[in-house]
C-alpha cells in the first residue's frame, strides 16, 4: 500500500442541529485534484468538486459544483506616498 500525505478529499459535517434556522444536517465533501500550472513547472492540489447535502425541518437537498480550467493570473502594484497619489 502506497502512503502519501496528499489531501484528495475533505468532508465537513454540521456537529449539531441549528434550531434557529431549522437546519438539522449539513455535509460538504470537497474533492481535490492535481493541476499543472503551465510555465511554472508547478503542481498544485486544487478543488475539483464540492458535493453538499442538507436537511431542514421541511426539506432535503443536494448540490454538486465542479471546478476546472484553472488559469494563473499575475499582477503588480506599488504604494505611493500621499503626495504622489492621484487626486480623487
C-alpha atoms as a PDB file:
ATOM      1  CA  UNK A   1       0.000   0.000   0.000  1.00  0.00           C
ATOM      2  CA  UNK A   2       1.338   3.408  -1.020  1.00  0.00           C
ATOM      3  CA  UNK A   3       1.013   6.066   1.681  1.00  0.00           C
ATOM      4  CA  UNK A   4       1.293   9.765   0.894  1.00  0.00           C
ATOM      5  CA  UNK A   5       0.240  12.925   2.630  1.00  0.00           C
ATOM      6  CA  UNK A   6      -1.680  14.223  -0.408  1.00  0.00           C
ATOM      7  CA  UNK A   7      -5.123  15.518   0.537  1.00  0.00           C
ATOM      8  CA  UNK A   8      -7.619  14.236  -2.017  1.00  0.00           C
ATOM      9  CA  UNK A   9     -10.892  14.973  -0.229  1.00  0.00           C
ATOM     10  CA  UNK A  10     -12.064  16.748   2.881  1.00  0.00           C
ATOM     11  CA  UNK A  11     -15.506  16.138   4.400  1.00  0.00           C
ATOM     12  CA  UNK A  12     -17.120  18.616   6.783  1.00  0.00           C
ATOM     13  CA  UNK A  13     -20.231  17.995   8.850  1.00  0.00           C
ATOM     14  CA  UNK A  14     -22.549  20.081  10.992  1.00  0.00           C
ATOM     15  CA  UNK A  15     -21.857  18.887  14.528  1.00  0.00           C
ATOM     16  CA  UNK A  16     -25.284  19.677  15.945  1.00  0.00           C
ATOM     17  CA  UNK A  17     -28.609  20.986  14.590  1.00  0.00           C
ATOM     18  CA  UNK A  18     -29.223  24.736  14.335  1.00  0.00           C
ATOM     19  CA  UNK A  19     -32.826  25.174  15.532  1.00  0.00           C
ATOM     20  CA  UNK A  20     -32.824  28.930  14.804  1.00  0.00           C
ATOM     21  CA  UNK A  21     -32.695  28.219  11.048  1.00  0.00           C
ATOM     22  CA  UNK A  22     -34.254  24.716  11.288  1.00  0.00           C
ATOM     23  CA  UNK A  23     -31.080  23.110   9.885  1.00  0.00           C
ATOM     24  CA  UNK A  24     -30.804  19.500  11.029  1.00  0.00           C
ATOM     25  CA  UNK A  25     -27.977  18.189   8.856  1.00  0.00           C
ATOM     26  CA  UNK A  26     -25.299  19.672   6.578  1.00  0.00           C
ATOM     27  CA  UNK A  27     -22.430  17.826   4.914  1.00  0.00           C
ATOM     28  CA  UNK A  28     -19.895  19.011   2.339  1.00  0.00           C
ATOM     29  CA  UNK A  29     -17.245  16.904   0.656  1.00  0.00           C
ATOM     30  CA  UNK A  30     -14.507  18.858  -1.095  1.00  0.00           C
ATOM     31  CA  UNK A  31     -12.520  16.790  -3.617  1.00  0.00           C
ATOM     32  CA  UNK A  32      -9.093  17.931  -4.780  1.00  0.00           C
ATOM     33  CA  UNK A  33      -7.182  17.109  -7.961  1.00  0.00           C
ATOM     34  CA  UNK A  34      -3.660  17.844  -9.135  1.00  0.00           C
ATOM     35  CA  UNK A  35      -3.395  20.799 -11.514  1.00  0.00           C
ATOM     36  CA  UNK A  36      -0.270  21.603 -13.524  1.00  0.00           C
ATOM     37  CA  UNK A  37       0.445  25.332 -13.708  1.00  0.00           C
ATOM     38  CA  UNK A  38       1.837  25.953 -17.186  1.00  0.00           C
ATOM     39  CA  UNK A  39       5.055  27.907 -17.418  1.00  0.00           C
ATOM     40  CA  UNK A  40       5.993  27.459 -13.756  1.00  0.00           C
ATOM     41  CA  UNK A  41       6.598  23.702 -13.570  1.00  0.00           C
ATOM     42  CA  UNK A  42       4.280  23.751 -10.578  1.00  0.00           C
ATOM     43  CA  UNK A  43       1.786  21.100  -9.484  1.00  0.00           C
ATOM     44  CA  UNK A  44      -0.954  22.223  -7.074  1.00  0.00           C
ATOM     45  CA  UNK A  45      -3.803  20.318  -5.452  1.00  0.00           C
ATOM     46  CA  UNK A  46      -6.877  22.468  -6.117  1.00  0.00           C
ATOM     47  CA  UNK A  47     -10.621  21.876  -5.672  1.00  0.00           C
ATOM     48  CA  UNK A  48     -12.193  19.836  -8.462  1.00  0.00           C
ATOM     49  CA  UNK A  49     -15.623  19.134  -6.972  1.00  0.00           C
ATOM     50  CA  UNK A  50     -17.813  20.027  -3.984  1.00  0.00           C
ATOM     51  CA  UNK A  51     -20.809  17.911  -3.008  1.00  0.00           C
ATOM     52  CA  UNK A  52     -23.181  19.379  -0.421  1.00  0.00           C
ATOM     53  CA  UNK A  53     -26.215  17.736   1.181  1.00  0.00           C
ATOM     54  CA  UNK A  54     -28.559  19.267   3.731  1.00  0.00           C
ATOM     55  CA  UNK A  55     -31.729  18.560   5.655  1.00  0.00           C
ATOM     56  CA  UNK A  56     -34.045  21.090   7.266  1.00  0.00           C
ATOM     57  CA  UNK A  57     -37.295  20.638   9.148  1.00  0.00           C
ATOM     58  CA  UNK A  58     -39.235  20.612   5.847  1.00  0.00           C
ATOM     59  CA  UNK A  59     -36.755  19.998   3.017  1.00  0.00           C
ATOM     60  CA  UNK A  60     -33.710  17.992   1.988  1.00  0.00           C
ATOM     61  CA  UNK A  61     -31.421  18.731  -0.912  1.00  0.00           C
ATOM     62  CA  UNK A  62     -28.068  18.296  -2.543  1.00  0.00           C
ATOM     63  CA  UNK A  63     -25.794  20.274  -4.852  1.00  0.00           C
ATOM     64  CA  UNK A  64     -22.669  19.477  -6.834  1.00  0.00           C
ATOM     65  CA  UNK A  65     -20.186  22.050  -8.093  1.00  0.00           C
ATOM     66  CA  UNK A  66     -17.330  21.232 -10.476  1.00  0.00           C
ATOM     67  CA  UNK A  67     -14.146  23.250 -10.991  1.00  0.00           C
ATOM     68  CA  UNK A  68     -11.766  23.041 -13.944  1.00  0.00           C
ATOM     69  CA  UNK A  69      -9.728  25.087 -16.412  1.00  0.00           C
ATOM     70  CA  UNK A  70      -7.769  26.909 -13.749  1.00  0.00           C
ATOM     71  CA  UNK A  71      -5.740  29.864 -15.030  1.00  0.00           C
ATOM     72  CA  UNK A  72      -2.884  31.735 -13.443  1.00  0.00           C
ATOM     73  CA  UNK A  73      -3.157  35.498 -13.156  1.00  0.00           C
ATOM     74  CA  UNK A  74      -0.414  37.859 -12.155  1.00  0.00           C
ATOM     75  CA  UNK A  75      -0.495  41.496 -11.135  1.00  0.00           C
ATOM     76  CA  UNK A  76       1.826  44.120  -9.779  1.00  0.00           C
ATOM     77  CA  UNK A  77       1.203  47.106  -7.572  1.00  0.00           C
ATOM     78  CA  UNK A  78       3.101  49.899  -5.947  1.00  0.00           C
ATOM     79  CA  UNK A  79       2.257  52.019  -2.951  1.00  0.00           C
ATOM     80  CA  UNK A  80       2.636  55.765  -3.426  1.00  0.00           C
ATOM     81  CA  UNK A  81       3.011  58.345  -0.668  1.00  0.00           C
ATOM     82  CA  UNK A  82       0.045  60.715  -0.306  1.00  0.00           C
ATOM     83  CA  UNK A  83       1.930  63.475  -2.098  1.00  0.00           C
ATOM     84  CA  UNK A  84       2.193  61.309  -5.240  1.00  0.00           C
ATOM     85  CA  UNK A  85      -1.291  59.744  -5.095  1.00  0.00           C
ATOM     86  CA  UNK A  86      -3.732  60.725  -7.823  1.00  0.00           C
ATOM     87  CA  UNK A  87      -6.424  63.122  -6.585  1.00  0.00           C
ATOM     88  CA  UNK A  88      -9.992  61.849  -6.250  1.00  0.00           C
END
